[in-house]
Amino acid sequence: MQRARVGEAVPWRDQPMALDADGRYTSRFSVPTAGPVTLGLRYLDPTTGRFGPASFVSFTAY
């Protein structure tokens, strides 16, 4: 998995995140300030650099 924080100069992070043995991914993300955030996730093959379509969710960080 690869994540992005929409609105940043380089939104897609270069550190891929691994799925667990059941194919799930669970994590907590920190943001520098409270307020609205849009976070994107997409599947990434680190070997080829190919990736799937992104899924985005918006929320308010406190």
Protein backbone atom coordinates (compact mmCIF):
# COMPACT_ATOMS: atom_id res chain seq x y z
CA MET A 1 0.00 0.00 0.00
CA GLN A 2 1.04 3.57 -0.54
CA ARG A 3 -0.56 6.59 1.10
CA ALA A 4 -0.97 10.22 0.16
CA ARG A 5 -2.00 13.35 1.99
CA VAL A 6 -3.77 15.52 -0.54
CA GLY A 7 -2.55 19.11 -0.61
CA GLU A 8 1.11 18.42 0.13
CA ALA A 9 3.80 19.27 -2.43
CA VAL A 10 4.69 15.57 -2.82
CA PRO A 11 1.51 13.80 -1.65
CA TRP A 12 2.42 10.14 -2.34
CA ARG A 13 4.81 8.75 0.29
CA ASP A 14 7.83 6.82 -0.98
CA GLN A 15 7.66 4.27 1.88
CA PRO A 16 5.34 1.39 0.94
CA MET A 17 3.28 -0.17 3.73
CA ALA A 18 2.86 -3.96 3.81
CA LEU A 19 -0.45 -5.79 4.13
CA ASP A 20 -0.69 -8.45 6.85
CA ALA A 21 -1.02 -12.20 6.17
CA ASP A 22 -4.80 -11.78 5.83
CA GLY A 23 -4.43 -9.01 3.24
CA ARG A 24 -5.44 -6.24 5.64
CA TYR A 25 -3.81 -2.95 6.52
CA THR A 26 -4.43 -1.09 9.77
CA SER A 27 -2.58 2.00 10.91
CA ARG A 28 -2.83 5.39 12.58
CA PHE A 29 -1.70 8.54 10.84
CA SER A 30 -0.52 11.79 12.39
CA VAL A 31 -1.10 15.23 10.94
CA PRO A 32 0.82 18.39 11.87
CA THR A 33 -2.28 20.46 12.73
CA ALA A 34 -5.96 19.93 13.44
CA GLY A 35 -8.38 20.51 10.57
CA PRO A 36 -9.69 18.92 7.40
CA VAL A 37 -7.58 16.14 5.84
CA THR A 38 -7.97 14.07 2.67
CA LEU A 39 -6.03 10.82 2.74
CA GLY A 40 -5.49 8.52 -0.23
CA LEU A 41 -4.45 4.87 -0.36
CA ARG A 42 -3.53 2.71 -3.35
CA TYR A 43 -2.00 -0.69 -4.00
CA LEU A 44 1.65 -0.49 -5.07
CA ASP A 45 4.01 -3.09 -6.49
CA PRO A 46 7.39 -1.85 -5.20
CA THR A 47 9.26 -4.11 -7.63
CA THR A 48 7.75 -2.60 -10.78
CA GLY A 49 6.50 0.74 -9.46
CA ARG A 50 3.05 -0.01 -10.88
CA PHE A 51 0.04 0.99 -8.80
CA GLY A 52 -3.72 0.65 -8.76
CA PRO A 53 -6.43 3.29 -8.51
CA ALA A 54 -6.51 5.36 -5.35
CA SER A 55 -9.27 5.45 -2.77
CA PHE A 56 -9.71 8.75 -0.89
CA VAL A 57 -11.35 9.57 2.43
CA SER A 58 -11.86 13.02 3.98
CA PHE A 59 -12.11 13.69 7.70
CA THR A 60 -11.42 16.32 10.34
CA ALA A 61 -8.34 15.73 12.50
CA TYR A 62 -8.49 16.90 16.13
